[in-house]
Amino acid sequence: MNKGDLIDTIVKEAKISKASAEKALNTVIDSVGTTLKKGDKVAVVGFGTFSVSRRKARKGRNPQTGKEIKIPAKKVVKFSAGKKLKARVAK
């Protein structure tokens, strides 16, 4: 399922216009991104929790040459599925 499919599902289930569904989905996505950028968590009960984690700088190897390279530190987004989502997928 891609973003367009998700919008179509929202239109069908919520019985709202496609423009309203797209605006609502974009608002949710933007809000999650803004909150994560601040370093806060986003928890949706039954669905899951989005959070930000820091990866330390480390050394790696170029697979083509075998030469050692430096991999810089960075922030990454983590998602932990909620209990209801895990149960639904496991069925």
PDB file of N, CA and C in Angstrom:
ATOM      1  N   MET A   1       0.861  -1.182   0.000  1.00  0.00           N
ATOM      2  CA  MET A   1       0.000   0.000   0.000  1.00  0.00           C
ATOM      3  C   MET A   1       0.897   1.233   0.000  1.00  0.00           C
ATOM      4  N   ASN A   2       0.610   2.146  -0.890  1.00  0.00           N
ATOM      5  CA  ASN A   2       1.358   3.399  -0.922  1.00  0.00           C
ATOM      6  C   ASN A   2       0.462   4.534  -0.415  1.00  0.00           C
ATOM      7  N   LYS A   3       0.970   5.742  -0.455  1.00  0.00           N
ATOM      8  CA  LYS A   3       0.234   6.889   0.082  1.00  0.00           C
ATOM      9  C   LYS A   3      -1.111   7.094  -0.631  1.00  0.00           C
ATOM     10  N   GLY A   4      -1.129   6.928  -1.946  1.00  0.00           N
ATOM     11  CA  GLY A   4      -2.368   7.080  -2.711  1.00  0.00           C
ATOM     12  C   GLY A   4      -3.420   6.046  -2.311  1.00  0.00           C
ATOM     13  N   ASP A   5      -2.964   4.810  -2.116  1.00  0.00           N
ATOM     14  CA  ASP A   5      -3.879   3.747  -1.687  1.00  0.00           C
ATOM     15  C   ASP A   5      -4.438   4.043  -0.295  1.00  0.00           C
ATOM     16  N   LEU A   6      -3.575   4.562   0.574  1.00  0.00           N
ATOM     17  CA  LEU A   6      -4.012   4.903   1.925  1.00  0.00           C
ATOM     18  C   LEU A   6      -5.051   6.020   1.893  1.00  0.00           C
ATOM     19  N   ILE A   7      -4.837   7.014   1.057  1.00  0.00           N
ATOM     20  CA  ILE A   7      -5.803   8.111   0.911  1.00  0.00           C
ATOM     21  C   ILE A   7      -7.139   7.572   0.403  1.00  0.00           C
ATOM     22  N   ASP A   8      -7.090   6.674  -0.582  1.00  0.00           N
ATOM     23  CA  ASP A   8      -8.322   6.076  -1.102  1.00  0.00           C
ATOM     24  C   ASP A   8      -9.073   5.296  -0.027  1.00  0.00           C
ATOM     25  N   THR A   9      -8.344   4.595   0.830  1.00  0.00           N
ATOM     26  CA  THR A   9      -8.969   3.849   1.924  1.00  0.00           C
ATOM     27  C   THR A   9      -9.620   4.799   2.921  1.00  0.00           C
ATOM     28  N   ILE A  10      -8.952   5.907   3.235  1.00  0.00           N
ATOM     29  CA  ILE A  10      -9.521   6.901   4.154  1.00  0.00           C
ATOM     30  C   ILE A  10     -10.797   7.488   3.567  1.00  0.00           C
ATOM     31  N   VAL A  11     -10.787   7.798   2.266  1.00  0.00           N
ATOM     32  CA  VAL A  11     -11.971   8.342   1.590  1.00  0.00           C
ATOM     33  C   VAL A  11     -13.143   7.372   1.727  1.00  0.00           C
ATOM     34  N   LYS A  12     -12.866   6.100   1.465  1.00  0.00           N
ATOM     35  CA  LYS A  12     -13.911   5.077   1.503  1.00  0.00           C
ATOM     36  C   LYS A  12     -14.457   4.854   2.915  1.00  0.00           C
ATOM     37  N   GLU A  13     -13.566   4.695   3.886  1.00  0.00           N
ATOM     38  CA  GLU A  13     -13.974   4.372   5.252  1.00  0.00           C
ATOM     39  C   GLU A  13     -14.579   5.558   5.998  1.00  0.00           C
ATOM     40  N   ALA A  14     -13.994   6.751   5.823  1.00  0.00           N
ATOM     41  CA  ALA A  14     -14.466   7.934   6.559  1.00  0.00           C
ATOM     42  C   ALA A  14     -15.554   8.699   5.808  1.00  0.00           C
ATOM     43  N   LYS A  15     -15.752   8.322   4.526  1.00  0.00           N
ATOM     44  CA  LYS A  15     -16.758   8.989   3.697  1.00  0.00           C
ATOM     45  C   LYS A  15     -16.541  10.505   3.650  1.00  0.00           C
ATOM     46  N   ILE A  16     -15.294  10.864   3.338  1.00  0.00           N
ATOM     47  CA  ILE A  16     -14.942  12.274   3.176  1.00  0.00           C
ATOM     48  C   ILE A  16     -14.347  12.455   1.783  1.00  0.00           C
ATOM     49  N   SER A  17     -14.145  13.701   1.382  1.00  0.00           N
ATOM     50  CA  SER A  17     -13.593  13.962   0.053  1.00  0.00           C
ATOM     51  C   SER A  17     -12.121  13.550  -0.005  1.00  0.00           C
ATOM     52  N   LYS A  18     -11.659  13.317  -1.219  1.00  0.00           N
ATOM     53  CA  LYS A  18     -10.260  12.935  -1.414  1.00  0.00           C
ATOM     54  C   LYS A  18      -9.323  14.057  -0.971  1.00  0.00           C
ATOM     55  N   ALA A  19      -9.706  15.296  -1.227  1.00  0.00           N
ATOM     56  CA  ALA A  19      -8.878  16.439  -0.821  1.00  0.00           C
ATOM     57  C   ALA A  19      -8.763  16.507   0.699  1.00  0.00           C
ATOM     58  N   SER A  20      -9.879  16.267   1.392  1.00  0.00           N
ATOM     59  CA  SER A  20      -9.861  16.290   2.865  1.00  0.00           C
ATOM     60  C   SER A  20      -9.020  15.148   3.421  1.00  0.00           C
ATOM     61  N   ALA A  21      -9.142  13.974   2.822  1.00  0.00           N
ATOM     62  CA  ALA A  21      -8.366  12.819   3.274  1.00  0.00           C
ATOM     63  C   ALA A  21      -6.871  13.055   3.077  1.00  0.00           C
ATOM     64  N   GLU A  22      -6.503  13.623   1.912  1.00  0.00           N
ATOM     65  CA  GLU A  22      -5.101  13.895   1.643  1.00  0.00           C
ATOM     66  C   GLU A  22      -4.551  14.944   2.603  1.00  0.00           C
ATOM     67  N   LYS A  23      -5.335  15.977   2.868  1.00  0.00           N
ATOM     68  CA  LYS A  23      -4.910  17.029   3.798  1.00  0.00           C
ATOM     69  C   LYS A  23      -4.738  16.455   5.207  1.00  0.00           C
ATOM     70  N   ALA A  24      -5.665  15.602   5.631  1.00  0.00           N
ATOM     71  CA  ALA A  24      -5.574  14.997   6.966  1.00  0.00           C
ATOM     72  C   ALA A  24      -4.338  14.115   7.084  1.00  0.00           C
ATOM     73  N   LEU A  25      -4.090  13.284   6.074  1.00  0.00           N
ATOM     74  CA  LEU A  25      -2.920  12.404   6.112  1.00  0.00           C
ATOM     75  C   LEU A  25      -1.628  13.207   6.104  1.00  0.00           C
ATOM     76  N   ASN A  26      -1.549  14.233   5.257  1.00  0.00           N
ATOM     77  CA  ASN A  26      -0.354  15.086   5.219  1.00  0.00           C
ATOM     78  C   ASN A  26      -0.125  15.787   6.549  1.00  0.00           C
ATOM     79  N   THR A  27      -1.205  16.208   7.204  1.00  0.00           N
ATOM     80  CA  THR A  27      -1.095  16.859   8.510  1.00  0.00           C
ATOM     81  C   THR A  27      -0.529  15.896   9.543  1.00  0.00           C
ATOM     82  N   VAL A  28      -0.996  14.654   9.533  1.00  0.00           N
ATOM     83  CA  VAL A  28      -0.488  13.648  10.475  1.00  0.00           C
ATOM     84  C   VAL A  28       1.000  13.407  10.228  1.00  0.00           C
ATOM     85  N   ILE A  29       1.366  13.216   8.976  1.00  0.00           N
ATOM     86  CA  ILE A  29       2.771  12.951   8.629  1.00  0.00           C
ATOM     87  C   ILE A  29       3.661  14.133   9.029  1.00  0.00           C
ATOM     88  N   ASP A  30       3.226  15.352   8.732  1.00  0.00           N
ATOM     89  CA  ASP A  30       4.001  16.543   9.092  1.00  0.00           C
ATOM     90  C   ASP A  30       4.129  16.692  10.602  1.00  0.00           C
ATOM     91  N   SER A  31       3.047  16.420  11.325  1.00  0.00           N
ATOM     92  CA  SER A  31       3.061  16.536  12.784  1.00  0.00           C
ATOM     93  C   SER A  31       4.015  15.528  13.416  1.00  0.00           C
ATOM     94  N   VAL A  32       4.012  14.308  12.907  1.00  0.00           N
ATOM     95  CA  VAL A  32       4.929  13.280  13.418  1.00  0.00           C
ATOM     96  C   VAL A  32       6.368  13.714  13.155  1.00  0.00           C
ATOM     97  N   GLY A  33       6.653  14.184  11.952  1.00  0.00           N
ATOM     98  CA  GLY A  33       8.003  14.631  11.610  1.00  0.00           C
ATOM     99  C   GLY A  33       8.478  15.792  12.467  1.00  0.00           C
ATOM    100  N   THR A  34       7.592  16.757  12.687  1.00  0.00           N
ATOM    101  CA  THR A  34       7.940  17.922  13.506  1.00  0.00           C
ATOM    102  C   THR A  34       8.228  17.513  14.945  1.00  0.00           C
ATOM    103  N   THR A  35       7.403  16.634  15.481  1.00  0.00           N
ATOM    104  CA  THR A  35       7.584  16.173  16.859  1.00  0.00           C
ATOM    105  C   THR A  35       8.878  15.390  17.006  1.00  0.00           C
ATOM    106  N   LEU A  36       9.169  14.521  16.055  1.00  0.00           N
ATOM    107  CA  LEU A  36      10.412  13.745  16.112  1.00  0.00           C
ATOM    108  C   LEU A  36      11.635  14.637  15.962  1.00  0.00           C
ATOM    109  N   LYS A  37      11.533  15.668  15.141  1.00  0.00           N
ATOM    110  CA  LYS A  37      12.657  16.591  14.964  1.00  0.00           C
ATOM    111  C   LYS A  37      13.015  17.283  16.276  1.00  0.00           C
ATOM    112  N   LYS A  38      11.997  17.552  17.112  1.00  0.00           N
ATOM    113  CA  LYS A  38      12.226  18.151  18.430  1.00  0.00           C
ATOM    114  C   LYS A  38      12.862  17.168  19.407  1.00  0.00           C
ATOM    115  N   GLY A  39      12.841  15.874  19.058  1.00  0.00           N
ATOM    116  CA  GLY A  39      13.406  14.856  19.935  1.00  0.00           C
ATOM    117  C   GLY A  39      12.367  14.173  20.808  1.00  0.00           C
ATOM    118  N   ASP A  40      11.098  14.484  20.594  1.00  0.00           N
ATOM    119  CA  ASP A  40      10.019  13.869  21.373  1.00  0.00           C
ATOM    120  C   ASP A  40       9.537  12.587  20.715  1.00  0.00           C
ATOM    121  N   LYS A  41       8.779  11.787  21.477  1.00  0.00           N
ATOM    122  CA  LYS A  41       8.192  10.553  20.967  1.00  0.00           C
ATOM    123  C   LYS A  41       6.768  10.817  20.496  1.00  0.00           C
ATOM    124  N   VAL A  42       6.303   9.977  19.580  1.00  0.00           N
ATOM    125  CA  VAL A  42       4.916  10.009  19.145  1.00  0.00           C
ATOM    126  C   VAL A  42       4.346   8.617  19.409  1.00  0.00           C
ATOM    127  N   ALA A  43       3.361   8.531  20.312  1.00  0.00           N
ATOM    128  CA  ALA A  43       2.760   7.252  20.664  1.00  0.00           C
ATOM    129  C   ALA A  43       1.295   7.240  20.237  1.00  0.00           C
ATOM    130  N   VAL A  44       0.932   6.261  19.424  1.00  0.00           N
ATOM    131  CA  VAL A  44      -0.450   6.074  19.006  1.00  0.00           C
ATOM    132  C   VAL A  44      -0.883   4.741  19.596  1.00  0.00           C
ATOM    133  N   VAL A  45      -1.734   4.796  20.618  1.00  0.00           N
ATOM    134  CA  VAL A  45      -2.140   3.604  21.343  1.00  0.00           C
ATOM    135  C   VAL A  45      -2.744   2.585  20.376  1.00  0.00           C
ATOM    136  N   GLY A  46      -2.265   1.352  20.464  1.00  0.00           N
ATOM    137  CA  GLY A  46      -2.743   0.281  19.608  1.00  0.00           C
ATOM    138  C   GLY A  46      -1.989   0.172  18.289  1.00  0.00           C
ATOM    139  N   PHE A  47      -1.352   1.248  17.866  1.00  0.00           N
ATOM    140  CA  PHE A  47      -0.607   1.234  16.603  1.00  0.00           C
ATOM    141  C   PHE A  47       0.892   1.100  16.853  1.00  0.00           C
ATOM    142  N   GLY A  48       1.459   2.037  17.609  1.00  0.00           N
ATOM    143  CA  GLY A  48       2.878   1.959  17.902  1.00  0.00           C
ATOM    144  C   GLY A  48       3.468   3.285  18.329  1.00  0.00           C
ATOM    145  N   THR A  49       4.779   3.278  18.526  1.00  0.00           N
ATOM    146  CA  THR A  49       5.503   4.451  18.993  1.00  0.00           C
ATOM    147  C   THR A  49       6.661   4.766  18.057  1.00  0.00           C
ATOM    148  N   PHE A  50       6.736   6.035  17.652  1.00  0.00           N
ATOM    149  CA  PHE A  50       7.851   6.531  16.859  1.00  0.00           C
ATOM    150  C   PHE A  50       8.783   7.281  17.811  1.00  0.00           C
ATOM    151  N   SER A  51      10.082   7.077  17.663  1.00  0.00           N
ATOM    152  CA  SER A  51      11.050   7.792  18.495  1.00  0.00           C
ATOM    153  C   SER A  51      12.318   8.033  17.681  1.00  0.00           C
ATOM    154  N   VAL A  52      13.200   8.857  18.235  1.00  0.00           N
ATOM    155  CA  VAL A  52      14.471   9.174  17.585  1.00  0.00           C
ATOM    156  C   VAL A  52      15.593   8.584  18.417  1.00  0.00           C
ATOM    157  N   SER A  53      16.545   7.970  17.750  1.00  0.00           N
ATOM    158  CA  SER A  53      17.696   7.376  18.411  1.00  0.00           C
ATOM    159  C   SER A  53      18.960   7.915  17.750  1.00  0.00           C
ATOM    160  N   ARG A  54      20.035   7.994  18.519  1.00  0.00           N
ATOM    161  CA  ARG A  54      21.314   8.455  17.961  1.00  0.00           C
ATOM    162  C   ARG A  54      22.213   7.257  17.692  1.00  0.00           C
ATOM    163  N   ARG A  55      22.821   7.255  16.522  1.00  0.00           N
ATOM    164  CA  ARG A  55      23.842   6.256  16.210  1.00  0.00           C
ATOM    165  C   ARG A  55      25.197   6.926  16.349  1.00  0.00           C
ATOM    166  N   LYS A  56      26.095   6.279  17.042  1.00  0.00           N
ATOM    167  CA  LYS A  56      27.438   6.818  17.227  1.00  0.00           C
ATOM    168  C   LYS A  56      28.225   6.718  15.916  1.00  0.00           C
ATOM    169  N   ALA A  57      29.236   7.561  15.823  1.00  0.00           N
ATOM    170  CA  ALA A  57      30.153   7.467  14.685  1.00  0.00           C
ATOM    171  C   ALA A  57      30.896   6.137  14.796  1.00  0.00           C
ATOM    172  N   ARG A  58      31.186   5.540  13.655  1.00  0.00           N
ATOM    173  CA  ARG A  58      31.866   4.251  13.680  1.00  0.00           C
ATOM    174  C   ARG A  58      32.700   4.081  12.419  1.00  0.00           C
ATOM    175  N   LYS A  59      33.488   3.030  12.435  1.00  0.00           N
ATOM    176  CA  LYS A  59      34.308   2.716  11.270  1.00  0.00           C
ATOM    177  C   LYS A  59      33.628   1.600  10.489  1.00  0.00           C
ATOM    178  N   GLY A  60      33.708   1.684   9.171  1.00  0.00           N
ATOM    179  CA  GLY A  60      33.156   0.655   8.306  1.00  0.00           C
ATOM    180  C   GLY A  60      34.146   0.332   7.206  1.00  0.00           C
ATOM    181  N   ARG A  61      33.744  -0.524   6.306  1.00  0.00           N
ATOM    182  CA  ARG A  61      34.614  -0.893   5.190  1.00  0.00           C
ATOM    183  C   ARG A  61      33.863  -0.725   3.880  1.00  0.00           C
ATOM    184  N   ASN A  62      34.545  -0.179   2.891  1.00  0.00           N
ATOM    185  CA  ASN A  62      34.009  -0.084   1.542  1.00  0.00           C
ATOM    186  C   ASN A  62      34.005  -1.508   0.973  1.00  0.00           C
ATOM    187  N   PRO A  63      32.819  -2.052   0.628  1.00  0.00           N
ATOM    188  CA  PRO A  63      32.782  -3.443   0.175  1.00  0.00           C
ATOM    189  C   PRO A  63      33.518  -3.688  -1.147  1.00  0.00           C
ATOM    190  N   GLN A  64      33.689  -2.659  -1.967  1.00  0.00           N
ATOM    191  CA  GLN A  64      34.387  -2.848  -3.247  1.00  0.00           C
ATOM    192  C   GLN A  64      35.896  -2.872  -3.085  1.00  0.00           C
ATOM    193  N   THR A  65      36.401  -1.986  -2.217  1.00  0.00           N
ATOM    194  CA  THR A  65      37.858  -1.877  -2.089  1.00  0.00           C
ATOM    195  C   THR A  65      38.401  -2.475  -0.798  1.00  0.00           C
ATOM    196  N   GLY A  66      37.538  -2.630   0.208  1.00  0.00           N
ATOM    197  CA  GLY A  66      37.995  -3.125   1.498  1.00  0.00           C
ATOM    198  C   GLY A  66      38.619  -2.031   2.345  1.00  0.00           C
ATOM    199  N   LYS A  67      38.677  -0.814   1.803  1.00  0.00           N
ATOM    200  CA  LYS A  67      39.284   0.315   2.509  1.00  0.00           C
ATOM    201  C   LYS A  67      38.390   0.740   3.677  1.00  0.00           C
ATOM    202  N   GLU A  68      39.028   1.068   4.799  1.00  0.00           N
ATOM    203  CA  GLU A  68      38.290   1.515   5.984  1.00  0.00           C
ATOM    204  C   GLU A  68      37.762   2.934   5.762  1.00  0.00           C
ATOM    205  N   ILE A  69      36.510   3.172   6.159  1.00  0.00           N
ATOM    206  CA  ILE A  69      35.897   4.496   6.029  1.00  0.00           C
ATOM    207  C   ILE A  69      35.263   4.897   7.358  1.00  0.00           C
ATOM    208  N   LYS A  70      35.095   6.205   7.541  1.00  0.00           N
ATOM    209  CA  LYS A  70      34.431   6.717   8.735  1.00  0.00           C
ATOM    210  C   LYS A  70      32.944   6.909   8.426  1.00  0.00           C
ATOM    211  N   ILE A  71      32.099   6.375   9.283  1.00  0.00           N
ATOM    212  CA  ILE A  71      30.654   6.568   9.153  1.00  0.00           C
ATOM    213  C   ILE A  71      30.259   7.562  10.242  1.00  0.00           C
ATOM    214  N   PRO A  72      29.730   8.736   9.859  1.00  0.00           N
ATOM    215  CA  PRO A  72      29.449   9.770  10.857  1.00  0.00           C
ATOM    216  C   PRO A  72      28.258   9.411  11.757  1.00  0.00           C
ATOM    217  N   ALA A  73      28.195  10.064  12.918  1.00  0.00           N
ATOM    218  CA  ALA A  73      27.066   9.900  13.831  1.00  0.00           C
ATOM    219  C   ALA A  73      25.827  10.503  13.178  1.00  0.00           C
ATOM    220  N   LYS A  74      24.669   9.943  13.495  1.00  0.00           N
ATOM    221  CA  LYS A  74      23.437  10.508  12.948  1.00  0.00           C
ATOM    222  C   LYS A  74      22.245  10.094  13.803  1.00  0.00           C
ATOM    223  N   LYS A  75      21.136  10.801  13.569  1.00  0.00           N
ATOM    224  CA  LYS A  75      19.876  10.467  14.222  1.00  0.00           C
ATOM    225  C   LYS A  75      19.074   9.582  13.291  1.00  0.00           C
ATOM    226  N   VAL A  76      18.395   8.577  13.857  1.00  0.00           N
ATOM    227  CA  VAL A  76      17.548   7.687  13.061  1.00  0.00           C
ATOM    228  C   VAL A  76      16.181   7.549  13.727  1.00  0.00           C
ATOM    229  N   VAL A  77      15.163   7.323  12.915  1.00  0.00           N
ATOM    230  CA  VAL A  77      13.804   7.137  13.420  1.00  0.00           C
ATOM    231  C   VAL A  77      13.593   5.660  13.723  1.00  0.00           C
ATOM    232  N   LYS A  78      13.003   5.385  14.887  1.00  0.00           N
ATOM    233  CA  LYS A  78      12.690   4.011  15.269  1.00  0.00           C
ATOM    234  C   LYS A  78      11.180   3.887  15.412  1.00  0.00           C
ATOM    235  N   PHE A  79      10.657   2.727  15.095  1.00  0.00           N
ATOM    236  CA  PHE A  79       9.237   2.452  15.268  1.00  0.00           C
ATOM    237  C   PHE A  79       9.088   1.157  16.038  1.00  0.00           C
ATOM    238  N   SER A  80       8.279   1.196  17.067  1.00  0.00           N
ATOM    239  CA  SER A  80       7.979   0.009  17.845  1.00  0.00           C
ATOM    240  C   SER A  80       6.482  -0.247  17.731  1.00  0.00           C
ATOM    241  N   ALA A  81       6.108  -1.381  17.167  1.00  0.00           N
ATOM    242  CA  ALA A  81       4.698  -1.696  16.962  1.00  0.00           C
ATOM    243  C   ALA A  81       3.985  -1.895  18.296  1.00  0.00           C
ATOM    244  N   GLY A  82       2.731  -1.441  18.339  1.00  0.00           N
ATOM    245  CA  GLY A  82       1.910  -1.602  19.528  1.00  0.00           C
ATOM    246  C   GLY A  82       1.332  -3.007  19.626  1.00  0.00           C
ATOM    247  N   LYS A  83       0.788  -3.303  20.787  1.00  0.00           N
ATOM    248  CA  LYS A  83       0.251  -4.628  21.075  1.00  0.00           C
ATOM    249  C   LYS A  83      -0.842  -5.049  20.088  1.00  0.00           C
ATOM    250  N   LYS A  84      -1.787  -4.149  19.806  1.00  0.00           N
ATOM    251  CA  LYS A  84      -2.900  -4.465  18.896  1.00  0.00           C
ATOM    252  C   LYS A  84      -2.401  -4.691  17.466  1.00  0.00           C
ATOM    253  N   LEU A  85      -1.440  -3.898  17.014  1.00  0.00           N
ATOM    254  CA  LEU A  85      -0.899  -4.060  15.669  1.00  0.00           C
ATOM    255  C   LEU A  85      -0.165  -5.390  15.558  1.00  0.00           C
ATOM    256  N   LYS A  86       0.622  -5.725  16.559  1.00  0.00           N
ATOM    257  CA  LYS A  86       1.345  -7.005  16.558  1.00  0.00           C
ATOM    258  C   LYS A  86       0.359  -8.175  16.509  1.00  0.00           C
ATOM    259  N   ALA A  87      -0.705  -8.087  17.298  1.00  0.00           N
ATOM    260  CA  ALA A  87      -1.691  -9.156  17.329  1.00  0.00           C
ATOM    261  C   ALA A  87      -2.402  -9.297  15.984  1.00  0.00           C
ATOM    262  N   ARG A  88      -2.716  -8.164  15.361  1.00  0.00           N
ATOM    263  CA  ARG A  88      -3.418  -8.184  14.080  1.00  0.00           C
ATOM    264  C   ARG A  88      -2.560  -8.810  12.980  1.00  0.00           C
ATOM    265  N   VAL A  89      -1.272  -8.501  12.981  1.00  0.00           N
ATOM    266  CA  VAL A  89      -0.360  -9.039  11.976  1.00  0.00           C
ATOM    267  C   VAL A  89      -0.121 -10.536  12.206  1.00  0.00           C
ATOM    268  N   ALA A  90      -0.100 -10.959  13.468  1.00  0.00           N
ATOM    269  CA  ALA A  90       0.183 -12.345  13.805  1.00  0.00           C
ATOM    270  C   ALA A  90      -0.955 -13.300  13.437  1.00  0.00           C
ATOM    271  N   LYS A  91      -2.169 -12.783  13.224  1.00  0.00           N
ATOM    272  CA  LYS A  91      -3.318 -13.648  12.916  1.00  0.00           C
ATOM    273  C   LYS A  91      -3.181 -14.303  11.580  1.00  0.00           C
TER     274      LYS A  91
END
